[in-house]
Every structure is written in structure tokens, then in C-alpha cells.
PDB file of N, CA and C in Angstrom:
ATOM      1  N   UNK A   1     -29.685  -1.740  -6.094  1.00  0.00           N
ATOM      2  CA  UNK A   1     -28.234  -1.649  -6.147  1.00  0.00           C
ATOM      3  C   UNK A   1     -27.700  -2.040  -7.526  1.00  0.00           C
ATOM      4  N   UNK A   2     -28.287  -3.092  -8.096  1.00  0.00           N
ATOM      5  CA  UNK A   2     -27.843  -3.514  -9.419  1.00  0.00           C
ATOM      6  C   UNK A   2     -28.172  -2.475 -10.477  1.00  0.00           C
ATOM      7  N   UNK A   3     -29.281  -1.756 -10.302  1.00  0.00           N
ATOM      8  CA  UNK A   3     -29.634  -0.713 -11.254  1.00  0.00           C
ATOM      9  C   UNK A   3     -28.599   0.406 -11.238  1.00  0.00           C
ATOM     10  N   UNK A   4     -28.124   0.779 -10.055  1.00  0.00           N
ATOM     11  CA  UNK A   4     -27.094   1.806  -9.934  1.00  0.00           C
ATOM     12  C   UNK A   4     -25.811   1.360 -10.621  1.00  0.00           C
ATOM     13  N   UNK A   5     -25.427   0.129 -10.407  1.00  0.00           N
ATOM     14  CA  UNK A   5     -24.216  -0.400 -11.055  1.00  0.00           C
ATOM     15  C   UNK A   5     -24.395  -0.402 -12.573  1.00  0.00           C
ATOM     16  N   UNK A   6     -25.583  -0.762 -13.030  1.00  0.00           N
ATOM     17  CA  UNK A   6     -25.865  -0.745 -14.465  1.00  0.00           C
ATOM     18  C   UNK A   6     -25.752   0.649 -15.055  1.00  0.00           C
ATOM     19  N   UNK A   7     -26.297   1.655 -14.347  1.00  0.00           N
ATOM     20  CA  UNK A   7     -26.190   3.030 -14.821  1.00  0.00           C
ATOM     21  C   UNK A   7     -24.741   3.492 -14.873  1.00  0.00           C
ATOM     22  N   UNK A   8     -23.946   3.086 -13.891  1.00  0.00           N
ATOM     23  CA  UNK A   8     -22.531   3.465 -13.885  1.00  0.00           C
ATOM     24  C   UNK A   8     -21.787   2.839 -15.058  1.00  0.00           C
ATOM     25  N   UNK A   9     -22.095   1.588 -15.352  1.00  0.00           N
ATOM     26  CA  UNK A   9     -21.435   0.900 -16.468  1.00  0.00           C
ATOM     27  C   UNK A   9     -21.867   1.512 -17.799  1.00  0.00           C
ATOM     28  N   UNK A  10     -23.176   1.680 -17.982  1.00  0.00           N
ATOM     29  CA  UNK A  10     -23.686   2.283 -19.216  1.00  0.00           C
ATOM     30  C   UNK A  10     -23.156   3.714 -19.365  1.00  0.00           C
ATOM     31  N   UNK A  11     -23.181   4.478 -18.270  1.00  0.00           N
ATOM     32  CA  UNK A  11     -22.683   5.846 -18.308  1.00  0.00           C
ATOM     33  C   UNK A  11     -21.210   5.911 -18.652  1.00  0.00           C
ATOM     34  N   UNK A  12     -20.419   5.037 -18.058  1.00  0.00           N
ATOM     35  CA  UNK A  12     -18.994   5.008 -18.353  1.00  0.00           C
ATOM     36  C   UNK A  12     -18.715   4.672 -19.807  1.00  0.00           C
ATOM     37  N   UNK A  13     -19.443   3.700 -20.322  1.00  0.00           N
ATOM     38  CA  UNK A  13     -19.253   3.310 -21.719  1.00  0.00           C
ATOM     39  C   UNK A  13     -19.700   4.425 -22.658  1.00  0.00           C
ATOM     40  N   UNK A  14     -20.864   5.002 -22.389  1.00  0.00           N
ATOM     41  CA  UNK A  14     -21.378   6.083 -23.238  1.00  0.00           C
ATOM     42  C   UNK A  14     -20.434   7.281 -23.220  1.00  0.00           C
ATOM     43  N   UNK A  15     -19.923   7.637 -22.031  1.00  0.00           N
ATOM     44  CA  UNK A  15     -18.983   8.746 -21.924  1.00  0.00           C
ATOM     45  C   UNK A  15     -17.678   8.470 -22.643  1.00  0.00           C
ATOM     46  N   UNK A  16     -17.210   7.237 -22.568  1.00  0.00           N
ATOM     47  CA  UNK A  16     -15.970   6.859 -23.244  1.00  0.00           C
ATOM     48  C   UNK A  16     -16.135   6.948 -24.760  1.00  0.00           C
ATOM     49  N   UNK A  17     -17.246   6.381 -25.279  1.00  0.00           N
ATOM     50  CA  UNK A  17     -17.500   6.430 -26.723  1.00  0.00           C
ATOM     51  C   UNK A  17     -17.624   7.883 -27.183  1.00  0.00           C
ATOM     52  N   UNK A  18     -18.372   8.686 -26.439  1.00  0.00           N
ATOM     53  CA  UNK A  18     -18.535  10.096 -26.801  1.00  0.00           C
ATOM     54  C   UNK A  18     -17.196  10.823 -26.791  1.00  0.00           C
ATOM     55  N   UNK A  19     -16.361  10.552 -25.789  1.00  0.00           N
ATOM     56  CA  UNK A  19     -15.037  11.170 -25.720  1.00  0.00           C
ATOM     57  C   UNK A  19     -14.178  10.791 -26.912  1.00  0.00           C
ATOM     58  N   UNK A  20     -14.231   9.527 -27.308  1.00  0.00           N
ATOM     59  CA  UNK A  20     -13.459   9.071 -28.469  1.00  0.00           C
ATOM     60  C   UNK A  20     -13.943   9.752 -29.744  1.00  0.00           C
ATOM     61  N   UNK A  21     -15.263   9.887 -29.890  1.00  0.00           N
ATOM     62  CA  UNK A  21     -15.804  10.484 -31.114  1.00  0.00           C
ATOM     63  C   UNK A  21     -15.612  11.994 -31.178  1.00  0.00           C
ATOM     64  N   UNK A  22     -15.752  12.680 -30.046  1.00  0.00           N
ATOM     65  CA  UNK A  22     -15.691  14.139 -30.052  1.00  0.00           C
ATOM     66  C   UNK A  22     -14.271  14.644 -29.880  1.00  0.00           C
ATOM     67  N   UNK A  23     -13.544  14.076 -28.952  1.00  0.00           N
ATOM     68  CA  UNK A  23     -12.210  14.595 -28.630  1.00  0.00           C
ATOM     69  C   UNK A  23     -11.064  13.705 -29.079  1.00  0.00           C
ATOM     70  N   UNK A  24     -11.372  12.512 -29.534  1.00  0.00           N
ATOM     71  CA  UNK A  24     -10.318  11.608 -29.983  1.00  0.00           C
ATOM     72  C   UNK A  24      -9.670  10.820 -28.861  1.00  0.00           C
ATOM     73  N   UNK A  25     -10.152  10.998 -27.647  1.00  0.00           N
ATOM     74  CA  UNK A  25      -9.608  10.266 -26.502  1.00  0.00           C
ATOM     75  C   UNK A  25     -10.660  10.216 -25.407  1.00  0.00           C
ATOM     76  N   UNK A  26     -10.492   9.269 -24.491  1.00  0.00           N
ATOM     77  CA  UNK A  26     -11.378   9.208 -23.343  1.00  0.00           C
ATOM     78  C   UNK A  26     -11.073  10.358 -22.391  1.00  0.00           C
ATOM     79  N   UNK A  27     -11.911  10.522 -21.386  1.00  0.00           N
ATOM     80  CA  UNK A  27     -11.745  11.630 -20.450  1.00  0.00           C
ATOM     81  C   UNK A  27     -11.373  11.170 -19.049  1.00  0.00           C
ATOM     82  N   UNK A  28     -11.038   9.917 -18.875  1.00  0.00           N
ATOM     83  CA  UNK A  28     -10.812   9.367 -17.543  1.00  0.00           C
ATOM     84  C   UNK A  28     -12.101   8.741 -17.046  1.00  0.00           C
ATOM     85  N   UNK A  29     -11.981   7.723 -16.226  1.00  0.00           N
ATOM     86  CA  UNK A  29     -13.151   6.924 -15.857  1.00  0.00           C
ATOM     87  C   UNK A  29     -14.230   7.728 -15.141  1.00  0.00           C
ATOM     88  N   UNK A  30     -13.855   8.585 -14.213  1.00  0.00           N
ATOM     89  CA  UNK A  30     -14.854   9.345 -13.459  1.00  0.00           C
ATOM     90  C   UNK A  30     -15.588  10.328 -14.368  1.00  0.00           C
ATOM     91  N   UNK A  31     -14.859  11.068 -15.177  1.00  0.00           N
ATOM     92  CA  UNK A  31     -15.501  12.020 -16.081  1.00  0.00           C
ATOM     93  C   UNK A  31     -16.314  11.298 -17.152  1.00  0.00           C
ATOM     94  N   UNK A  32     -15.845  10.133 -17.614  1.00  0.00           N
ATOM     95  CA  UNK A  32     -16.622   9.350 -18.576  1.00  0.00           C
ATOM     96  C   UNK A  32     -17.976   8.965 -17.986  1.00  0.00           C
ATOM     97  N   UNK A  33     -17.975   8.506 -16.747  1.00  0.00           N
ATOM     98  CA  UNK A  33     -19.224   8.104 -16.093  1.00  0.00           C
ATOM     99  C   UNK A  33     -20.151   9.310 -15.930  1.00  0.00           C
ATOM    100  N   UNK A  34     -19.604  10.425 -15.476  1.00  0.00           N
ATOM    101  CA  UNK A  34     -20.421  11.630 -15.275  1.00  0.00           C
ATOM    102  C   UNK A  34     -20.998  12.118 -16.602  1.00  0.00           C
ATOM    103  N   UNK A  35     -20.153  12.216 -17.625  1.00  0.00           N
ATOM    104  CA  UNK A  35     -20.612  12.671 -18.941  1.00  0.00           C
ATOM    105  C   UNK A  35     -21.647  11.697 -19.502  1.00  0.00           C
ATOM    106  N   UNK A  36     -21.430  10.412 -19.327  1.00  0.00           N
ATOM    107  CA  UNK A  36     -22.371   9.412 -19.835  1.00  0.00           C
ATOM    108  C   UNK A  36     -23.723   9.471 -19.144  1.00  0.00           C
ATOM    109  N   UNK A  37     -23.727   9.621 -17.833  1.00  0.00           N
ATOM    110  CA  UNK A  37     -24.991   9.668 -17.097  1.00  0.00           C
ATOM    111  C   UNK A  37     -25.739  10.965 -17.397  1.00  0.00           C
ATOM    112  N   UNK A  38     -25.034  12.092 -17.364  1.00  0.00           N
ATOM    113  CA  UNK A  38     -25.689  13.366 -17.703  1.00  0.00           C
ATOM    114  C   UNK A  38     -26.137  13.342 -19.163  1.00  0.00           C
ATOM    115  N   UNK A  39     -25.320  12.766 -20.036  1.00  0.00           N
ATOM    116  CA  UNK A  39     -25.699  12.629 -21.441  1.00  0.00           C
ATOM    117  C   UNK A  39     -26.935  11.761 -21.620  1.00  0.00           C
ATOM    118  N   UNK A  40     -27.060  10.716 -20.806  1.00  0.00           N
ATOM    119  CA  UNK A  40     -28.249   9.857 -20.869  1.00  0.00           C
ATOM    120  C   UNK A  40     -29.500  10.633 -20.474  1.00  0.00           C
ATOM    121  N   UNK A  41     -29.375  11.461 -19.458  1.00  0.00           N
ATOM    122  CA  UNK A  41     -30.513  12.280 -19.028  1.00  0.00           C
ATOM    123  C   UNK A  41     -30.890  13.279 -20.126  1.00  0.00           C
ATOM    124  N   UNK A  42     -29.883  13.967 -20.666  1.00  0.00           N
ATOM    125  CA  UNK A  42     -30.125  14.942 -21.737  1.00  0.00           C
ATOM    126  C   UNK A  42     -30.698  14.242 -22.968  1.00  0.00           C
ATOM    127  N   UNK A  43     -30.092  13.133 -23.354  1.00  0.00           N
ATOM    128  CA  UNK A  43     -30.565  12.394 -24.527  1.00  0.00           C
ATOM    129  C   UNK A  43     -31.974  11.850 -24.336  1.00  0.00           C
ATOM    130  N   UNK A  44     -32.271  11.342 -23.140  1.00  0.00           N
ATOM    131  CA  UNK A  44     -33.616  10.843 -22.862  1.00  0.00           C
ATOM    132  C   UNK A  44     -34.652  11.946 -22.914  1.00  0.00           C
ATOM    133  N   UNK A  45     -34.291  13.107 -22.383  1.00  0.00           N
ATOM    134  CA  UNK A  45     -35.201  14.248 -22.404  1.00  0.00           C
ATOM    135  C   UNK A  45     -35.463  14.686 -23.847  1.00  0.00           C
ATOM    136  N   UNK A  46     -34.391  14.789 -24.646  1.00  0.00           N
ATOM    137  CA  UNK A  46     -34.551  15.183 -26.051  1.00  0.00           C
ATOM    138  C   UNK A  46     -35.347  14.149 -26.842  1.00  0.00           C
ATOM    139  N   UNK A  47     -35.085  12.870 -26.595  1.00  0.00           N
ATOM    140  CA  UNK A  47     -35.819  11.818 -27.304  1.00  0.00           C
ATOM    141  C   UNK A  47     -37.301  11.863 -26.965  1.00  0.00           C
ATOM    142  N   UNK A  48     -37.621  12.156 -25.710  1.00  0.00           N
ATOM    143  CA  UNK A  48     -39.034  12.245 -25.343  1.00  0.00           C
ATOM    144  C   UNK A  48     -39.694  13.459 -25.983  1.00  0.00           C
ATOM    145  N   UNK A  49     -38.949  14.563 -26.124  1.00  0.00           N
ATOM    146  CA  UNK A  49     -39.496  15.750 -26.783  1.00  0.00           C
ATOM    147  C   UNK A  49     -39.672  15.546 -28.284  1.00  0.00           C
ATOM    148  N   UNK A  50     -38.659  14.975 -28.919  1.00  0.00           N
ATOM    149  CA  UNK A  50     -38.661  14.852 -30.372  1.00  0.00           C
ATOM    150  C   UNK A  50     -39.548  13.699 -30.846  1.00  0.00           C
ATOM    151  N   UNK A  51     -39.382  12.527 -30.225  1.00  0.00           N
ATOM    152  CA  UNK A  51     -40.069  11.329 -30.696  1.00  0.00           C
ATOM    153  C   UNK A  51     -41.293  10.958 -29.867  1.00  0.00           C
ATOM    154  N   UNK A  52     -41.427  11.567 -28.696  1.00  0.00           N
ATOM    155  CA  UNK A  52     -42.555  11.256 -27.835  1.00  0.00           C
ATOM    156  C   UNK A  52     -42.503   9.875 -27.231  1.00  0.00           C
ATOM    157  N   UNK A  53     -41.308   9.334 -27.036  1.00  0.00           N
ATOM    158  CA  UNK A  53     -41.153   8.000 -26.460  1.00  0.00           C
ATOM    159  C   UNK A  53     -40.373   8.085 -25.157  1.00  0.00           C
ATOM    160  N   UNK A  54     -40.583   7.108 -24.306  1.00  0.00           N
ATOM    161  CA  UNK A  54     -39.854   7.025 -23.045  1.00  0.00           C
ATOM    162  C   UNK A  54     -38.791   5.946 -23.191  1.00  0.00           C
ATOM    163  N   UNK A  55     -37.532   6.343 -23.223  1.00  0.00           N
ATOM    164  CA  UNK A  55     -36.437   5.384 -23.399  1.00  0.00           C
ATOM    165  C   UNK A  55     -35.700   5.112 -22.090  1.00  0.00           C
ATOM    166  N   UNK A  56     -36.293   5.488 -20.979  1.00  0.00           N
ATOM    167  CA  UNK A  56     -35.605   5.320 -19.700  1.00  0.00           C
ATOM    168  C   UNK A  56     -35.963   4.021 -18.996  1.00  0.00           C
ATOM    169  N   UNK A  57     -36.714   3.159 -19.649  1.00  0.00           N
ATOM    170  CA  UNK A  57     -37.124   1.909 -19.017  1.00  0.00           C
ATOM    171  C   UNK A  57     -36.168   0.786 -19.374  1.00  0.00           C
ATOM    172  N   UNK A  58     -35.374   0.362 -18.411  1.00  0.00           N
ATOM    173  CA  UNK A  58     -34.477  -0.760 -18.611  1.00  0.00           C
ATOM    174  C   UNK A  58     -33.237  -0.401 -19.418  1.00  0.00           C
ATOM    175  N   UNK A  59     -32.384  -1.394 -19.584  1.00  0.00           N
ATOM    176  CA  UNK A  59     -31.152  -1.222 -20.335  1.00  0.00           C
ATOM    177  C   UNK A  59     -31.246  -2.040 -21.609  1.00  0.00           C
ATOM    178  N   UNK A  60     -31.117  -1.368 -22.733  1.00  0.00           N
ATOM    179  CA  UNK A  60     -31.137  -2.039 -24.019  1.00  0.00           C
ATOM    180  C   UNK A  60     -30.333  -1.201 -25.007  1.00  0.00           C
ATOM    181  N   UNK A  61     -30.353  -1.582 -26.257  1.00  0.00           N
ATOM    182  CA  UNK A  61     -29.562  -0.889 -27.275  1.00  0.00           C
ATOM    183  C   UNK A  61     -30.045   0.554 -27.444  1.00  0.00           C
ATOM    184  N   UNK A  62     -31.364   0.764 -27.396  1.00  0.00           N
ATOM    185  CA  UNK A  62     -31.890   2.120 -27.560  1.00  0.00           C
ATOM    186  C   UNK A  62     -31.443   3.028 -26.420  1.00  0.00           C
ATOM    187  N   UNK A  63     -31.455   2.508 -25.209  1.00  0.00           N
ATOM    188  CA  UNK A  63     -31.016   3.296 -24.060  1.00  0.00           C
ATOM    189  C   UNK A  63     -29.550   3.675 -24.208  1.00  0.00           C
ATOM    190  N   UNK A  64     -28.736   2.723 -24.619  1.00  0.00           N
ATOM    191  CA  UNK A  64     -27.310   2.987 -24.819  1.00  0.00           C
ATOM    192  C   UNK A  64     -27.099   4.011 -25.930  1.00  0.00           C
ATOM    193  N   UNK A  65     -27.847   3.887 -27.023  1.00  0.00           N
ATOM    194  CA  UNK A  65     -27.706   4.836 -28.137  1.00  0.00           C
ATOM    195  C   UNK A  65     -28.104   6.243 -27.711  1.00  0.00           C
ATOM    196  N   UNK A  66     -29.178   6.361 -26.946  1.00  0.00           N
ATOM    197  CA  UNK A  66     -29.619   7.674 -26.468  1.00  0.00           C
ATOM    198  C   UNK A  66     -28.578   8.261 -25.527  1.00  0.00           C
ATOM    199  N   UNK A  67     -27.989   7.434 -24.663  1.00  0.00           N
ATOM    200  CA  UNK A  67     -26.955   7.913 -23.746  1.00  0.00           C
ATOM    201  C   UNK A  67     -25.732   8.400 -24.517  1.00  0.00           C
ATOM    202  N   UNK A  68     -25.338   7.672 -25.546  1.00  0.00           N
ATOM    203  CA  UNK A  68     -24.172   8.073 -26.342  1.00  0.00           C
ATOM    204  C   UNK A  68     -24.445   9.375 -27.083  1.00  0.00           C
ATOM    205  N   UNK A  69     -25.616   9.484 -27.709  1.00  0.00           N
ATOM    206  CA  UNK A  69     -25.960  10.708 -28.436  1.00  0.00           C
ATOM    207  C   UNK A  69     -26.022  11.901 -27.478  1.00  0.00           C
ATOM    208  N   UNK A  70     -26.626  11.694 -26.305  1.00  0.00           N
ATOM    209  CA  UNK A  70     -26.684  12.773 -25.317  1.00  0.00           C
ATOM    210  C   UNK A  70     -25.301  13.183 -24.837  1.00  0.00           C
ATOM    211  N   UNK A  71     -24.420  12.208 -24.622  1.00  0.00           N
ATOM    212  CA  UNK A  71     -23.059  12.519 -24.186  1.00  0.00           C
ATOM    213  C   UNK A  71     -22.276  13.240 -25.279  1.00  0.00           C
ATOM    214  N   UNK A  72     -22.500  12.855 -26.533  1.00  0.00           N
ATOM    215  CA  UNK A  72     -21.846  13.549 -27.646  1.00  0.00           C
ATOM    216  C   UNK A  72     -22.299  15.004 -27.696  1.00  0.00           C
ATOM    217  N   UNK A  73     -23.603  15.225 -27.550  1.00  0.00           N
ATOM    218  CA  UNK A  73     -24.117  16.596 -27.534  1.00  0.00           C
ATOM    219  C   UNK A  73     -23.522  17.391 -26.376  1.00  0.00           C
ATOM    220  N   UNK A  74     -23.442  16.771 -25.221  1.00  0.00           N
ATOM    221  CA  UNK A  74     -22.881  17.440 -24.047  1.00  0.00           C
ATOM    222  C   UNK A  74     -21.427  17.840 -24.274  1.00  0.00           C
ATOM    223  N   UNK A  75     -20.620  16.933 -24.817  1.00  0.00           N
ATOM    224  CA  UNK A  75     -19.210  17.245 -25.075  1.00  0.00           C
ATOM    225  C   UNK A  75     -19.062  18.274 -26.192  1.00  0.00           C
ATOM    226  N   UNK A  76     -19.928  18.202 -27.198  1.00  0.00           N
ATOM    227  CA  UNK A  76     -19.867  19.190 -28.276  1.00  0.00           C
ATOM    228  C   UNK A  76     -20.174  20.587 -27.754  1.00  0.00           C
ATOM    229  N   UNK A  77     -21.176  20.692 -26.892  1.00  0.00           N
ATOM    230  CA  UNK A  77     -21.502  21.986 -26.286  1.00  0.00           C
ATOM    231  C   UNK A  77     -20.355  22.470 -25.414  1.00  0.00           C
ATOM    232  N   UNK A  78     -19.733  21.554 -24.665  1.00  0.00           N
ATOM    233  CA  UNK A  78     -18.585  21.932 -23.832  1.00  0.00           C
ATOM    234  C   UNK A  78     -17.427  22.416 -24.699  1.00  0.00           C
ATOM    235  N   UNK A  79     -17.207  21.779 -25.842  1.00  0.00           N
ATOM    236  CA  UNK A  79     -16.138  22.221 -26.753  1.00  0.00           C
ATOM    237  C   UNK A  79     -16.428  23.606 -27.310  1.00  0.00           C
ATOM    238  N   UNK A  80     -17.669  23.839 -27.692  1.00  0.00           N
ATOM    239  CA  UNK A  80     -18.040  25.151 -28.230  1.00  0.00           C
ATOM    240  C   UNK A  80     -17.869  26.227 -27.173  1.00  0.00           C
ATOM    241  N   UNK A  81     -18.249  25.905 -25.939  1.00  0.00           N
ATOM    242  CA  UNK A  81     -18.141  26.876 -24.847  1.00  0.00           C
ATOM    243  C   UNK A  81     -16.708  27.027 -24.347  1.00  0.00           C
ATOM    244  N   UNK A  82     -15.813  26.155 -24.801  1.00  0.00           N
ATOM    245  CA  UNK A  82     -14.422  26.250 -24.373  1.00  0.00           C
ATOM    246  C   UNK A  82     -14.137  25.592 -23.047  1.00  0.00           C
ATOM    247  N   UNK A  83     -15.072  24.786 -22.564  1.00  0.00           N
ATOM    248  CA  UNK A  83     -14.882  24.103 -21.291  1.00  0.00           C
ATOM    249  C   UNK A  83     -14.037  22.853 -21.526  1.00  0.00           C
ATOM    250  N   UNK A  84     -13.014  22.680 -20.719  1.00  0.00           N
ATOM    251  CA  UNK A  84     -12.195  21.488 -20.803  1.00  0.00           C
ATOM    252  C   UNK A  84     -11.071  21.551 -21.817  1.00  0.00           C
ATOM    253  N   UNK A  85     -10.884  22.679 -22.451  1.00  0.00           N
ATOM    254  CA  UNK A  85      -9.770  22.802 -23.396  1.00  0.00           C
ATOM    255  C   UNK A  85      -8.470  22.953 -22.628  1.00  0.00           C
ATOM    256  N   UNK A  86      -7.472  22.303 -23.145  1.00  0.00           N
ATOM    257  CA  UNK A  86      -6.151  22.427 -22.527  1.00  0.00           C
ATOM    258  C   UNK A  86      -5.419  23.577 -23.178  1.00  0.00           C
ATOM    259  N   UNK A  87      -4.822  24.368 -22.362  1.00  0.00           N
ATOM    260  CA  UNK A  87      -4.094  25.540 -22.863  1.00  0.00           C
ATOM    261  C   UNK A  87      -2.644  25.170 -23.134  1.00  0.00           C
ATOM    262  N   UNK A  88      -2.118  25.712 -24.211  1.00  0.00           N
ATOM    263  CA  UNK A  88      -0.708  25.487 -24.541  1.00  0.00           C
ATOM    264  C   UNK A  88       0.154  26.328 -23.599  1.00  0.00           C
ATOM    265  N   UNK A  89       1.237  25.735 -23.168  1.00  0.00           N
ATOM    266  CA  UNK A  89       2.113  26.449 -22.227  1.00  0.00           C
ATOM    267  C   UNK A  89       3.014  27.434 -22.922  1.00  0.00           C
TER     268      UNK A  89
END
């Protein structure tokens, strides 16, 4: 149970930081958590491919950095694809 809470906290923080860096604002708590957790999975997968290391063990600075980088990549891809853009009225 504590691990799930930890993932939610790390995911929320990673999603919030990524939102601030990519879009200049957060995306709301639920979307921040979702983007952060999916970003952590994407970032962990890429880190294992590129560096050959497993960063999914425990919570530390490296895990947080990988989650943030993955969330940034996820939001950047969403921006390129036009997902989540607000239309002018």
C-alpha cells in the first residue's frame, strides 16, 4: 500500500514538473499523476534501452529524474500531435 502511495506522489510531482517545463503550467492533480506515472514507465523503459540499467527499484533521485524526463517526453509528443491543445473561441 505504501508503494502505491509513493508512486502516486512521485508521479504527481513528476507530472507537475513536466507540465511546468513543457506547457508553463500544471495540468491538474489527476492528469499530473497519470502523466508522471506513464512518464516514469516510458522513461524507465528508455533508460534500460539506452543505459542498460534498471531504475525501477525503490524511490530515489534517479527514479524521480527518469520519471520527470519520461513525463517531459510524453507531454512533448502530445504537443507535437496536437493532443490537449486548447482551441481559441
